[in-house]
PDB file of N, CA and C in Angstrom:
ATOM      1  N   MET A   1      24.872  29.346  49.838  1.00  0.00           N
ATOM      2  CA  MET A   1      24.576  30.382  48.883  1.00  0.00           C
ATOM      3  C   MET A   1      24.316  29.737  47.531  1.00  0.00           C
ATOM      4  N   ARG A   2      23.351  30.244  46.838  1.00  0.00           N
ATOM      5  CA  ARG A   2      23.023  29.714  45.511  1.00  0.00           C
ATOM      6  C   ARG A   2      23.886  30.409  44.470  1.00  0.00           C
ATOM      7  N   GLU A   3      24.617  29.614  43.726  1.00  0.00           N
ATOM      8  CA  GLU A   3      25.519  30.160  42.717  1.00  0.00           C
ATOM      9  C   GLU A   3      24.846  30.340  41.371  1.00  0.00           C
ATOM     10  N   ASP A   4      23.583  29.924  41.244  1.00  0.00           N
ATOM     11  CA  ASP A   4      22.880  30.032  39.969  1.00  0.00           C
ATOM     12  C   ASP A   4      22.109  31.345  39.851  1.00  0.00           C
ATOM     13  N   ARG A   5      22.358  32.266  40.780  1.00  0.00           N
ATOM     14  CA  ARG A   5      21.667  33.556  40.760  1.00  0.00           C
ATOM     15  C   ARG A   5      22.693  34.672  40.657  1.00  0.00           C
ATOM     16  N   PRO A   6      22.319  35.826  40.119  1.00  0.00           N
ATOM     17  CA  PRO A   6      23.284  36.921  39.986  1.00  0.00           C
ATOM     18  C   PRO A   6      23.677  37.549  41.328  1.00  0.00           C
ATOM     19  N   VAL A   7      22.838  37.391  42.341  1.00  0.00           N
ATOM     20  CA  VAL A   7      23.131  37.907  43.688  1.00  0.00           C
ATOM     21  C   VAL A   7      22.767  36.821  44.690  1.00  0.00           C
ATOM     22  N   ALA A   8      23.652  36.574  45.645  1.00  0.00           N
ATOM     23  CA  ALA A   8      23.379  35.608  46.708  1.00  0.00           C
ATOM     24  C   ALA A   8      23.772  36.245  48.035  1.00  0.00           C
ATOM     25  N   VAL A   9      22.890  36.168  49.017  1.00  0.00           N
ATOM     26  CA  VAL A   9      23.122  36.777  50.318  1.00  0.00           C
ATOM     27  C   VAL A   9      22.981  35.718  51.397  1.00  0.00           C
ATOM     28  N   THR A  10      23.924  35.706  52.330  1.00  0.00           N
ATOM     29  CA  THR A  10      23.890  34.791  53.462  1.00  0.00           C
ATOM     30  C   THR A  10      24.195  35.582  54.729  1.00  0.00           C
ATOM     31  N   GLN A  11      23.514  35.265  55.804  1.00  0.00           N
ATOM     32  CA  GLN A  11      23.785  35.876  57.098  1.00  0.00           C
ATOM     33  C   GLN A  11      24.828  35.020  57.810  1.00  0.00           C
ATOM     34  N   SER A  12      26.065  35.484  57.866  1.00  0.00           N
ATOM     35  CA  SER A  12      27.156  34.680  58.424  1.00  0.00           C
ATOM     36  C   SER A  12      26.959  34.345  59.893  1.00  0.00           C
ATOM     37  N   LEU A  13      26.251  35.180  60.624  1.00  0.00           N
ATOM     38  CA  LEU A  13      26.017  34.896  62.043  1.00  0.00           C
ATOM     39  C   LEU A  13      24.956  33.822  62.248  1.00  0.00           C
ATOM     40  N   GLU A  14      24.171  33.550  61.210  1.00  0.00           N
ATOM     41  CA  GLU A  14      23.109  32.546  61.317  1.00  0.00           C
ATOM     42  C   GLU A  14      23.445  31.250  60.586  1.00  0.00           C
ATOM     43  N   THR A  15      24.569  31.202  59.898  1.00  0.00           N
ATOM     44  CA  THR A  15      24.964  30.004  59.163  1.00  0.00           C
ATOM     45  C   THR A  15      25.259  28.870  60.139  1.00  0.00           C
ATOM     46  N   ALA A  16      24.664  27.722  59.918  1.00  0.00           N
ATOM     47  CA  ALA A  16      24.901  26.560  60.786  1.00  0.00           C
ATOM     48  C   ALA A  16      26.313  26.034  60.554  1.00  0.00           C
ATOM     49  N   VAL A  17      27.049  25.839  61.646  1.00  0.00           N
ATOM     50  CA  VAL A  17      28.400  25.301  61.591  1.00  0.00           C
ATOM     51  C   VAL A  17      28.462  24.109  62.541  1.00  0.00           C
ATOM     52  N   ALA A  18      28.767  22.932  62.001  1.00  0.00           N
ATOM     53  CA  ALA A  18      28.930  21.736  62.841  1.00  0.00           C
ATOM     54  C   ALA A  18      30.288  21.821  63.531  1.00  0.00           C
ATOM     55  N   LEU A  19      30.280  21.740  64.837  1.00  0.00           N
ATOM     56  CA  LEU A  19      31.518  21.851  65.615  1.00  0.00           C
ATOM     57  C   LEU A  19      32.044  20.464  65.962  1.00  0.00           C
ATOM     58  N   ASP A  20      33.338  20.270  65.734  1.00  0.00           N
ATOM     59  CA  ASP A  20      33.979  18.989  65.999  1.00  0.00           C
ATOM     60  C   ASP A  20      34.954  19.111  67.155  1.00  0.00           C
ATOM     61  N   GLN A  21      35.159  17.998  67.822  1.00  0.00           N
ATOM     62  CA  GLN A  21      36.172  17.935  68.861  1.00  0.00           C
ATOM     63  C   GLN A  21      37.537  18.033  68.184  1.00  0.00           C
ATOM     64  N   LEU A  22      38.449  18.773  68.789  1.00  0.00           N
ATOM     65  CA  LEU A  22      39.781  18.951  68.219  1.00  0.00           C
ATOM     66  C   LEU A  22      40.684  17.799  68.621  1.00  0.00           C
ATOM     67  N   ASP A  23      41.707  17.570  67.815  1.00  0.00           N
ATOM     68  CA  ASP A  23      42.718  16.589  68.157  1.00  0.00           C
ATOM     69  C   ASP A  23      43.367  17.022  69.469  1.00  0.00           C
ATOM     70  N   ALA A  24      43.548  16.101  70.394  1.00  0.00           N
ATOM     71  CA  ALA A  24      44.096  16.409  71.717  1.00  0.00           C
ATOM     72  C   ALA A  24      45.448  17.111  71.634  1.00  0.00           C
ATOM     73  N   SER A  25      46.219  16.828  70.592  1.00  0.00           N
ATOM     74  CA  SER A  25      47.537  17.459  70.452  1.00  0.00           C
ATOM     75  C   SER A  25      47.440  18.955  70.165  1.00  0.00           C
ATOM     76  N   GLN A  26      46.277  19.423  69.715  1.00  0.00           N
ATOM     77  CA  GLN A  26      46.081  20.838  69.421  1.00  0.00           C
ATOM     78  C   GLN A  26      45.568  21.623  70.621  1.00  0.00           C
ATOM     79  N   VAL A  27      44.916  20.957  71.566  1.00  0.00           N
ATOM     80  CA  VAL A  27      44.256  21.637  72.683  1.00  0.00           C
ATOM     81  C   VAL A  27      45.291  22.082  73.716  1.00  0.00           C
ATOM     82  N   VAL A  28      45.253  23.373  74.027  1.00  0.00           N
ATOM     83  CA  VAL A  28      46.157  23.954  75.016  1.00  0.00           C
ATOM     84  C   VAL A  28      45.426  24.173  76.335  1.00  0.00           C
ATOM     85  N   ARG A  29      44.151  24.587  76.239  1.00  0.00           N
ATOM     86  CA  ARG A  29      43.368  24.875  77.441  1.00  0.00           C
ATOM     87  C   ARG A  29      41.884  24.719  77.134  1.00  0.00           C
ATOM     88  N   GLY A  30      41.164  24.194  78.099  1.00  0.00           N
ATOM     89  CA  GLY A  30      39.724  24.051  77.960  1.00  0.00           C
ATOM     90  C   GLY A  30      39.356  22.884  77.054  1.00  0.00           C
ATOM     91  N   GLU A  31      38.160  22.970  76.501  1.00  0.00           N
ATOM     92  CA  GLU A  31      37.644  21.945  75.596  1.00  0.00           C
ATOM     93  C   GLU A  31      37.094  22.604  74.338  1.00  0.00           C
ATOM     94  N   PRO A  32      37.952  23.343  73.633  1.00  0.00           N
ATOM     95  CA  PRO A  32      37.448  24.039  72.442  1.00  0.00           C
ATOM     96  C   PRO A  32      37.008  23.069  71.358  1.00  0.00           C
ATOM     97  N   ARG A  33      36.016  23.491  70.615  1.00  0.00           N
ATOM     98  CA  ARG A  33      35.538  22.760  69.439  1.00  0.00           C
ATOM     99  C   ARG A  33      35.585  23.745  68.275  1.00  0.00           C
ATOM    100  N   ALA A  34      35.714  23.232  67.069  1.00  0.00           N
ATOM    101  CA  ALA A  34      35.781  24.114  65.913  1.00  0.00           C
ATOM    102  C   ALA A  34      35.153  23.428  64.706  1.00  0.00           C
ATOM    103  N   GLY A  35      34.753  24.239  63.749  1.00  0.00           N
ATOM    104  CA  GLY A  35      34.191  23.695  62.520  1.00  0.00           C
ATOM    105  C   GLY A  35      33.996  24.788  61.498  1.00  0.00           C
ATOM    106  N   SER A  36      33.669  24.375  60.294  1.00  0.00           N
ATOM    107  CA  SER A  36      33.449  25.350  59.233  1.00  0.00           C
ATOM    108  C   SER A  36      32.306  24.903  58.340  1.00  0.00           C
ATOM    109  N   ALA A  37      31.762  25.869  57.640  1.00  0.00           N
ATOM    110  CA  ALA A  37      30.699  25.622  56.660  1.00  0.00           C
ATOM    111  C   ALA A  37      31.064  26.381  55.396  1.00  0.00           C
ATOM    112  N   VAL A  38      31.169  25.670  54.299  1.00  0.00           N
ATOM    113  CA  VAL A  38      31.493  26.303  53.016  1.00  0.00           C
ATOM    114  C   VAL A  38      30.253  27.036  52.506  1.00  0.00           C
ATOM    115  N   LEU A  39      30.438  28.281  52.102  1.00  0.00           N
ATOM    116  CA  LEU A  39      29.336  29.082  51.565  1.00  0.00           C
ATOM    117  C   LEU A  39      29.299  29.043  50.045  1.00  0.00           C
ATOM    118  N   THR A  40      30.466  29.200  49.425  1.00  0.00           N
ATOM    119  CA  THR A  40      30.535  29.254  47.967  1.00  0.00           C
ATOM    120  C   THR A  40      31.987  29.123  47.517  1.00  0.00           C
ATOM    121  N   ALA A  41      32.175  29.061  46.225  1.00  0.00           N
ATOM    122  CA  ALA A  41      33.512  29.098  45.627  1.00  0.00           C
ATOM    123  C   ALA A  41      33.585  30.339  44.752  1.00  0.00           C
ATOM    124  N   LEU A  42      34.785  30.891  44.647  1.00  0.00           N
ATOM    125  CA  LEU A  42      34.969  32.097  43.863  1.00  0.00           C
ATOM    126  C   LEU A  42      36.362  32.059  43.248  1.00  0.00           C
ATOM    127  N   ALA A  43      36.438  31.984  41.931  1.00  0.00           N
ATOM    128  CA  ALA A  43      37.717  31.991  41.210  1.00  0.00           C
ATOM    129  C   ALA A  43      38.686  30.961  41.772  1.00  0.00           C
ATOM    130  N   GLY A  44      38.185  29.770  42.055  1.00  0.00           N
ATOM    131  CA  GLY A  44      39.028  28.698  42.563  1.00  0.00           C
ATOM    132  C   GLY A  44      39.297  28.752  44.052  1.00  0.00           C
ATOM    133  N   ALA A  45      38.746  29.725  44.731  1.00  0.00           N
ATOM    134  CA  ALA A  45      38.914  29.846  46.180  1.00  0.00           C
ATOM    135  C   ALA A  45      37.622  29.458  46.892  1.00  0.00           C
ATOM    136  N   GLU A  46      37.770  29.059  48.123  1.00  0.00           N
ATOM    137  CA  GLU A  46      36.623  28.672  48.947  1.00  0.00           C
ATOM    138  C   GLU A  46      36.284  29.816  49.896  1.00  0.00           C
ATOM    139  N   VAL A  47      35.007  30.104  50.045  1.00  0.00           N
ATOM    140  CA  VAL A  47      34.522  31.110  50.984  1.00  0.00           C
ATOM    141  C   VAL A  47      33.635  30.384  51.984  1.00  0.00           C
ATOM    142  N   GLY A  48      33.858  30.629  53.263  1.00  0.00           N
ATOM    143  CA  GLY A  48      33.068  29.931  54.262  1.00  0.00           C
ATOM    144  C   GLY A  48      33.054  30.644  55.592  1.00  0.00           C
ATOM    145  N   VAL A  49      32.383  29.995  56.540  1.00  0.00           N
ATOM    146  CA  VAL A  49      32.290  30.479  57.912  1.00  0.00           C
ATOM    147  C   VAL A  49      33.001  29.477  58.791  1.00  0.00           C
ATOM    148  N   TRP A  50      33.850  29.955  59.688  1.00  0.00           N
ATOM    149  CA  TRP A  50      34.570  29.111  60.643  1.00  0.00           C
ATOM    150  C   TRP A  50      34.237  29.586  62.037  1.00  0.00           C
ATOM    151  N   GLU A  51      34.125  28.650  62.959  1.00  0.00           N
ATOM    152  CA  GLU A  51      33.781  28.986  64.333  1.00  0.00           C
ATOM    153  C   GLU A  51      34.615  28.158  65.296  1.00  0.00           C
ATOM    154  N   MET A  52      34.959  28.764  66.436  1.00  0.00           N
ATOM    155  CA  MET A  52      35.645  28.071  67.522  1.00  0.00           C
ATOM    156  C   MET A  52      35.002  28.475  68.831  1.00  0.00           C
ATOM    157  N   THR A  53      34.809  27.500  69.724  1.00  0.00           N
ATOM    158  CA  THR A  53      34.264  27.792  71.045  1.00  0.00           C
ATOM    159  C   THR A  53      35.398  28.191  71.987  1.00  0.00           C
ATOM    160  N   ALA A  54      35.051  28.591  73.199  1.00  0.00           N
ATOM    161  CA  ALA A  54      36.031  29.074  74.174  1.00  0.00           C
ATOM    162  C   ALA A  54      37.100  28.019  74.459  1.00  0.00           C
ATOM    163  N   GLY A  55      38.331  28.503  74.598  1.00  0.00           N
ATOM    164  CA  GLY A  55      39.465  27.655  74.911  1.00  0.00           C
ATOM    165  C   GLY A  55      40.684  28.142  74.164  1.00  0.00           C
ATOM    166  N   ALA A  56      41.718  27.308  74.155  1.00  0.00           N
ATOM    167  CA  ALA A  56      42.947  27.656  73.442  1.00  0.00           C
ATOM    168  C   ALA A  56      43.435  26.447  72.669  1.00  0.00           C
ATOM    169  N   MET A  57      43.913  26.703  71.444  1.00  0.00           N
ATOM    170  CA  MET A  57      44.405  25.622  70.586  1.00  0.00           C
ATOM    171  C   MET A  57      45.528  26.117  69.695  1.00  0.00           C
ATOM    172  N   THR A  58      46.356  25.185  69.246  1.00  0.00           N
ATOM    173  CA  THR A  58      47.378  25.507  68.253  1.00  0.00           C
ATOM    174  C   THR A  58      46.928  24.966  66.906  1.00  0.00           C
ATOM    175  N   ASP A  59      47.498  25.541  65.851  1.00  0.00           N
ATOM    176  CA  ASP A  59      47.165  25.092  64.508  1.00  0.00           C
ATOM    177  C   ASP A  59      48.309  25.424  63.566  1.00  0.00           C
ATOM    178  N   ILE A  60      48.356  24.729  62.450  1.00  0.00           N
ATOM    179  CA  ILE A  60      49.251  25.072  61.350  1.00  0.00           C
ATOM    180  C   ILE A  60      48.348  25.553  60.227  1.00  0.00           C
ATOM    181  N   GLU A  61      48.530  26.792  59.834  1.00  0.00           N
ATOM    182  CA  GLU A  61      47.582  27.464  58.955  1.00  0.00           C
ATOM    183  C   GLU A  61      47.746  27.117  57.478  1.00  0.00           C
ATOM    184  N   VAL A  62      46.661  27.361  56.744  1.00  0.00           N
ATOM    185  CA  VAL A  62      46.658  27.344  55.283  1.00  0.00           C
ATOM    186  C   VAL A  62      46.609  28.812  54.838  1.00  0.00           C
ATOM    187  N   ASP A  63      46.878  29.081  53.556  1.00  0.00           N
ATOM    188  CA  ASP A  63      46.715  30.446  53.058  1.00  0.00           C
ATOM    189  C   ASP A  63      45.266  30.858  53.249  1.00  0.00           C
ATOM    190  N   GLU A  64      45.072  32.014  53.840  1.00  0.00           N
ATOM    191  CA  GLU A  64      43.703  32.437  54.160  1.00  0.00           C
ATOM    192  C   GLU A  64      43.658  33.926  54.439  1.00  0.00           C
ATOM    193  N   VAL A  65      42.539  34.535  54.075  1.00  0.00           N
ATOM    194  CA  VAL A  65      42.174  35.876  54.514  1.00  0.00           C
ATOM    195  C   VAL A  65      40.837  35.723  55.212  1.00  0.00           C
ATOM    196  N   PHE A  66      40.686  36.369  56.364  1.00  0.00           N
ATOM    197  CA  PHE A  66      39.400  36.275  57.061  1.00  0.00           C
ATOM    198  C   PHE A  66      39.021  37.594  57.706  1.00  0.00           C
ATOM    199  N   VAL A  67      37.715  37.706  57.998  1.00  0.00           N
ATOM    200  CA  VAL A  67      37.160  38.840  58.728  1.00  0.00           C
ATOM    201  C   VAL A  67      36.417  38.282  59.931  1.00  0.00           C
ATOM    202  N   VAL A  68      36.752  38.763  61.125  1.00  0.00           N
ATOM    203  CA  VAL A  68      36.042  38.350  62.331  1.00  0.00           C
ATOM    204  C   VAL A  68      34.667  39.023  62.329  1.00  0.00           C
ATOM    205  N   VAL A  69      33.623  38.214  62.516  1.00  0.00           N
ATOM    206  CA  VAL A  69      32.269  38.774  62.541  1.00  0.00           C
ATOM    207  C   VAL A  69      31.639  38.693  63.924  1.00  0.00           C
ATOM    208  N   GLU A  70      32.218  37.861  64.807  1.00  0.00           N
ATOM    209  CA  GLU A  70      31.681  37.760  66.168  1.00  0.00           C
ATOM    210  C   GLU A  70      32.767  37.231  67.097  1.00  0.00           C
ATOM    211  N   GLY A  71      32.813  37.781  68.307  1.00  0.00           N
ATOM    212  CA  GLY A  71      33.737  37.292  69.322  1.00  0.00           C
ATOM    213  C   GLY A  71      35.094  37.973  69.285  1.00  0.00           C
ATOM    214  N   ASP A  72      35.939  37.529  70.182  1.00  0.00           N
ATOM    215  CA  ASP A  72      37.279  38.078  70.324  1.00  0.00           C
ATOM    216  C   ASP A  72      38.270  36.931  70.452  1.00  0.00           C
ATOM    217  N   ALA A  73      39.516  37.203  70.116  1.00  0.00           N
ATOM    218  CA  ALA A  73      40.564  36.187  70.272  1.00  0.00           C
ATOM    219  C   ALA A  73      41.916  36.867  70.326  1.00  0.00           C
ATOM    220  N   GLU A  74      42.863  36.170  70.897  1.00  0.00           N
ATOM    221  CA  GLU A  74      44.270  36.552  70.820  1.00  0.00           C
ATOM    222  C   GLU A  74      44.910  35.527  69.903  1.00  0.00           C
ATOM    223  N   LEU A  75      45.472  35.984  68.801  1.00  0.00           N
ATOM    224  CA  LEU A  75      46.134  35.120  67.831  1.00  0.00           C
ATOM    225  C   LEU A  75      47.628  35.343  67.972  1.00  0.00           C
ATOM    226  N   THR A  76      48.358  34.282  68.313  1.00  0.00           N
ATOM    227  CA  THR A  76      49.801  34.387  68.512  1.00  0.00           C
ATOM    228  C   THR A  76      50.522  33.518  67.495  1.00  0.00           C
ATOM    229  N   VAL A  77      51.504  34.102  66.824  1.00  0.00           N
ATOM    230  CA  VAL A  77      52.362  33.349  65.913  1.00  0.00           C
ATOM    231  C   VAL A  77      53.441  32.682  66.754  1.00  0.00           C
ATOM    232  N   LEU A  78      53.619  31.379  66.550  1.00  0.00           N
ATOM    233  CA  LEU A  78      54.638  30.627  67.282  1.00  0.00           C
ATOM    234  C   LEU A  78      55.796  30.307  66.345  1.00  0.00           C
ATOM    235  N   VAL A  79      57.008  30.528  66.813  1.00  0.00           N
ATOM    236  CA  VAL A  79      58.217  30.172  66.076  1.00  0.00           C
ATOM    237  C   VAL A  79      59.020  29.244  66.979  1.00  0.00           C
ATOM    238  N   ASP A  80      59.266  28.048  66.497  1.00  0.00           N
ATOM    239  CA  ASP A  80      59.939  27.024  67.303  1.00  0.00           C
ATOM    240  C   ASP A  80      59.233  26.815  68.637  1.00  0.00           C
ATOM    241  N   GLY A  81      57.889  26.892  68.595  1.00  0.00           N
ATOM    242  CA  GLY A  81      57.079  26.650  69.787  1.00  0.00           C
ATOM    243  C   GLY A  81      56.989  27.808  70.757  1.00  0.00           C
ATOM    244  N   ARG A  82      57.602  28.930  70.418  1.00  0.00           N
ATOM    245  CA  ARG A  82      57.599  30.085  71.316  1.00  0.00           C
ATOM    246  C   ARG A  82      56.860  31.253  70.684  1.00  0.00           C
ATOM    247  N   PRO A  83      56.169  32.065  71.511  1.00  0.00           N
ATOM    248  CA  PRO A  83      55.442  33.230  70.987  1.00  0.00           C
ATOM    249  C   PRO A  83      56.378  34.215  70.301  1.00  0.00           C
ATOM    250  N   ALA A  84      55.990  34.659  69.111  1.00  0.00           N
ATOM    251  CA  ALA A  84      56.783  35.638  68.371  1.00  0.00           C
ATOM    252  C   ALA A  84      56.029  36.963  68.232  1.00  0.00           C
ATOM    253  N   GLU A  85      54.756  36.888  67.808  1.00  0.00           N
ATOM    254  CA  GLU A  85      53.920  38.077  67.639  1.00  0.00           C
ATOM    255  C   GLU A  85      52.500  37.724  68.055  1.00  0.00           C
ATOM    256  N   SER A  86      51.796  38.678  68.673  1.00  0.00           N
ATOM    257  CA  SER A  86      50.401  38.450  69.058  1.00  0.00           C
ATOM    258  C   SER A  86      49.528  39.558  68.493  1.00  0.00           C
ATOM    259  N   TYR A  87      48.284  39.182  68.178  1.00  0.00           N
ATOM    260  CA  TYR A  87      47.324  40.109  67.595  1.00  0.00           C
ATOM    261  C   TYR A  87      45.987  39.947  68.299  1.00  0.00           C
ATOM    262  N   ALA A  88      45.397  41.062  68.687  1.00  0.00           N
ATOM    263  CA  ALA A  88      44.055  41.045  69.264  1.00  0.00           C
ATOM    264  C   ALA A  88      43.053  41.104  68.107  1.00  0.00           C
ATOM    265  N   LEU A  89      42.143  40.149  68.077  1.00  0.00           N
ATOM    266  CA  LEU A  89      41.116  40.091  67.041  1.00  0.00           C
ATOM    267  C   LEU A  89      39.760  40.396  67.654  1.00  0.00           C
ATOM    268  N   SER A  90      38.958  41.161  66.931  1.00  0.00           N
ATOM    269  CA  SER A  90      37.599  41.489  67.364  1.00  0.00           C
ATOM    270  C   SER A  90      36.765  41.703  66.106  1.00  0.00           C
ATOM    271  N   PRO A  91      35.443  41.844  66.254  1.00  0.00           N
ATOM    272  CA  PRO A  91      34.615  42.032  65.066  1.00  0.00           C
ATOM    273  C   PRO A  91      35.139  43.171  64.189  1.00  0.00           C
ATOM    274  N   GLY A  92      35.282  42.859  62.919  1.00  0.00           N
ATOM    275  CA  GLY A  92      35.817  43.820  61.965  1.00  0.00           C
ATOM    276  C   GLY A  92      37.291  43.607  61.653  1.00  0.00           C
ATOM    277  N   SER A  93      38.010  42.832  62.486  1.00  0.00           N
ATOM    278  CA  SER A  93      39.425  42.565  62.203  1.00  0.00           C
ATOM    279  C   SER A  93      39.547  41.772  60.911  1.00  0.00           C
ATOM    280  N   VAL A  94      40.476  42.185  60.054  1.00  0.00           N
ATOM    281  CA  VAL A  94      40.783  41.479  58.817  1.00  0.00           C
ATOM    282  C   VAL A  94      42.200  40.945  58.968  1.00  0.00           C
ATOM    283  N   CYS A  95      42.393  39.676  58.678  1.00  0.00           N
ATOM    284  CA  CYS A  95      43.685  39.038  58.905  1.00  0.00           C
ATOM    285  C   CYS A  95      44.085  38.200  57.701  1.00  0.00           C
ATOM    286  N   ARG A  96      45.372  38.175  57.409  1.00  0.00           N
ATOM    287  CA  ARG A  96      45.937  37.338  56.352  1.00  0.00           C
ATOM    288  C   ARG A  96      46.869  36.345  57.019  1.00  0.00           C
ATOM    289  N   LEU A  97      46.631  35.055  56.811  1.00  0.00           N
ATOM    290  CA  LEU A  97      47.481  33.994  57.328  1.00  0.00           C
ATOM    291  C   LEU A  97      48.236  33.354  56.178  1.00  0.00           C
ATOM    292  N   ALA A  98      49.511  33.070  56.373  1.00  0.00           N
ATOM    293  CA  ALA A  98      50.316  32.401  55.363  1.00  0.00           C
ATOM    294  C   ALA A  98      50.388  30.913  55.667  1.00  0.00           C
ATOM    295  N   ALA A  99      50.320  30.099  54.638  1.00  0.00           N
ATOM    296  CA  ALA A  99      50.384  28.646  54.800  1.00  0.00           C
ATOM    297  C   ALA A  99      51.648  28.258  55.559  1.00  0.00           C
ATOM    298  N   GLY A 100      51.480  27.307  56.484  1.00  0.00           N
ATOM    299  CA  GLY A 100      52.603  26.788  57.242  1.00  0.00           C
ATOM    300  C   GLY A 100      52.887  27.526  58.535  1.00  0.00           C
ATOM    301  N   THR A 101      52.231  28.657  58.769  1.00  0.00           N
ATOM    302  CA  THR A 101      52.429  29.412  60.003  1.00  0.00           C
ATOM    303  C   THR A 101      51.826  28.632  61.171  1.00  0.00           C
ATOM    304  N   THR A 102      52.576  28.493  62.253  1.00  0.00           N
ATOM    305  CA  THR A 102      52.065  27.845  63.459  1.00  0.00           C
ATOM    306  C   THR A 102      51.476  28.928  64.351  1.00  0.00           C
ATOM    307  N   THR A 103      50.234  28.715  64.793  1.00  0.00           N
ATOM    308  CA  THR A 103      49.530  29.726  65.583  1.00  0.00           C
ATOM    309  C   THR A 103      48.962  29.144  66.866  1.00  0.00           C
ATOM    310  N   LEU A 104      48.712  30.044  67.800  1.00  0.00           N
ATOM    311  CA  LEU A 104      47.995  29.744  69.032  1.00  0.00           C
ATOM    312  C   LEU A 104      46.770  30.638  69.051  1.00  0.00           C
ATOM    313  N   TRP A 105      45.583  30.017  69.150  1.00  0.00           N
ATOM    314  CA  TRP A 105      44.316  30.743  69.215  1.00  0.00           C
ATOM    315  C   TRP A 105      43.816  30.683  70.656  1.00  0.00           C
ATOM    316  N   GLU A 106      43.654  31.850  71.295  1.00  0.00           N
ATOM    317  CA  GLU A 106      43.093  31.925  72.644  1.00  0.00           C
ATOM    318  C   GLU A 106      41.762  32.655  72.528  1.00  0.00           C
ATOM    319  N   VAL A 107      40.685  31.921  72.786  1.00  0.00           N
ATOM    320  CA  VAL A 107      39.331  32.416  72.538  1.00  0.00           C
ATOM    321  C   VAL A 107      38.543  32.398  73.853  1.00  0.00           C
ATOM    322  N   PRO A 108      38.157  33.577  74.386  1.00  0.00           N
ATOM    323  CA  PRO A 108      37.416  33.615  75.646  1.00  0.00           C
ATOM    324  C   PRO A 108      35.936  33.224  75.514  1.00  0.00           C
ATOM    325  N   ARG A 109      35.375  33.420  74.322  1.00  0.00           N
ATOM    326  CA  ARG A 109      33.984  33.045  74.021  1.00  0.00           C
ATOM    327  C   ARG A 109      33.920  32.764  72.528  1.00  0.00           C
ATOM    328  N   ARG A 110      32.823  32.315  72.056  1.00  0.00           N
ATOM    329  CA  ARG A 110      32.708  31.927  70.649  1.00  0.00           C
ATOM    330  C   ARG A 110      33.322  32.961  69.714  1.00  0.00           C
ATOM    331  N   LEU A 111      34.124  32.463  68.769  1.00  0.00           N
ATOM    332  CA  LEU A 111      34.711  33.288  67.723  1.00  0.00           C
ATOM    333  C   LEU A 111      34.177  32.793  66.391  1.00  0.00           C
ATOM    334  N   ARG A 112      33.744  33.711  65.565  1.00  0.00           N
ATOM    335  CA  ARG A 112      33.246  33.342  64.237  1.00  0.00           C
ATOM    336  C   ARG A 112      33.881  34.269  63.219  1.00  0.00           C
ATOM    337  N   LYS A 113      34.339  33.665  62.104  1.00  0.00           N
ATOM    338  CA  LYS A 113      34.958  34.454  61.045  1.00  0.00           C
ATOM    339  C   LYS A 113      34.465  33.967  59.694  1.00  0.00           C
ATOM    340  N   VAL A 114      34.507  34.857  58.719  1.00  0.00           N
ATOM    341  CA  VAL A 114      34.238  34.511  57.328  1.00  0.00           C
ATOM    342  C   VAL A 114      35.597  34.495  56.649  1.00  0.00           C
ATOM    343  N   TYR A 115      35.901  33.384  55.965  1.00  0.00           N
ATOM    344  CA  TYR A 115      37.226  33.218  55.379  1.00  0.00           C
ATOM    345  C   TYR A 115      37.174  33.028  53.865  1.00  0.00           C
ATOM    346  N   LEU A 116      38.310  33.316  53.242  1.00  0.00           N
ATOM    347  CA  LEU A 116      38.554  33.058  51.832  1.00  0.00           C
ATOM    348  C   LEU A 116      39.882  32.318  51.776  1.00  0.00           C
ATOM    349  N   SER A 117      39.866  31.123  51.176  1.00  0.00           N
ATOM    350  CA  SER A 117      41.068  30.304  51.136  1.00  0.00           C
ATOM    351  C   SER A 117      41.149  29.551  49.807  1.00  0.00           C
ATOM    352  N   PRO A 118      42.332  29.553  49.173  1.00  0.00           N
ATOM    353  CA  PRO A 118      42.456  28.835  47.910  1.00  0.00           C
ATOM    354  C   PRO A 118      42.606  27.328  48.108  1.00  0.00           C
ATOM    355  N   SER A 119      42.694  26.892  49.350  1.00  0.00           N
ATOM    356  CA  SER A 119      42.876  25.470  49.629  1.00  0.00           C
ATOM    357  C   SER A 119      41.716  24.945  50.461  1.00  0.00           C
ATOM    358  N   SER A 120      41.918  23.826  51.121  1.00  0.00           N
ATOM    359  CA  SER A 120      40.863  23.202  51.914  1.00  0.00           C
ATOM    360  C   SER A 120      40.446  24.116  53.055  1.00  0.00           C
ATOM    361  N   PRO A 121      39.286  23.832  53.681  1.00  0.00           N
ATOM    362  CA  PRO A 121      38.786  24.689  54.758  1.00  0.00           C
ATOM    363  C   PRO A 121      39.804  24.800  55.883  1.00  0.00           C
ATOM    364  N   PRO A 122      39.876  25.996  56.535  1.00  0.00           N
ATOM    365  CA  PRO A 122      40.787  26.147  57.640  1.00  0.00           C
ATOM    366  C   PRO A 122      40.359  25.318  58.834  1.00  0.00           C
ATOM    367  N   THR A 123      41.357  24.879  59.629  1.00  0.00           N
ATOM    368  CA  THR A 123      41.047  24.170  60.856  1.00  0.00           C
ATOM    369  C   THR A 123      41.083  25.140  62.007  1.00  0.00           C
ATOM    370  N   ALA A 124      41.650  26.397  61.776  1.00  0.00           N
ATOM    371  CA  ALA A 124      41.636  27.397  62.793  1.00  0.00           C
ATOM    372  C   ALA A 124      41.594  28.741  62.204  1.00  0.00           C
TER     373      ALA A 124
END
């Protein structure tokens, strides 16, 4: 997105996202890949697109708010390695993640979200 204009529009479903192989310690099932593309900055926060392919992975989250724009997932909060709460995510779901939360992402097909984070890009 161009920040030198009063209005900037990006199609989040068409934004190119380079997908990387995940650390083996994060992979629970399948061969998921994930990546993000920064769109812009806003008041010290980063706005971007994140994508994950089918599979399951764990992650330790950063502070983030996101909106799912494509795909479905089951997001489970893990406490001491055990499931505590699960949430079904689908297009239109808005979610707030707190830094340090351990999560399990189970994705049956490509998941894409637009995120806002005051820190580095999310890994999940």
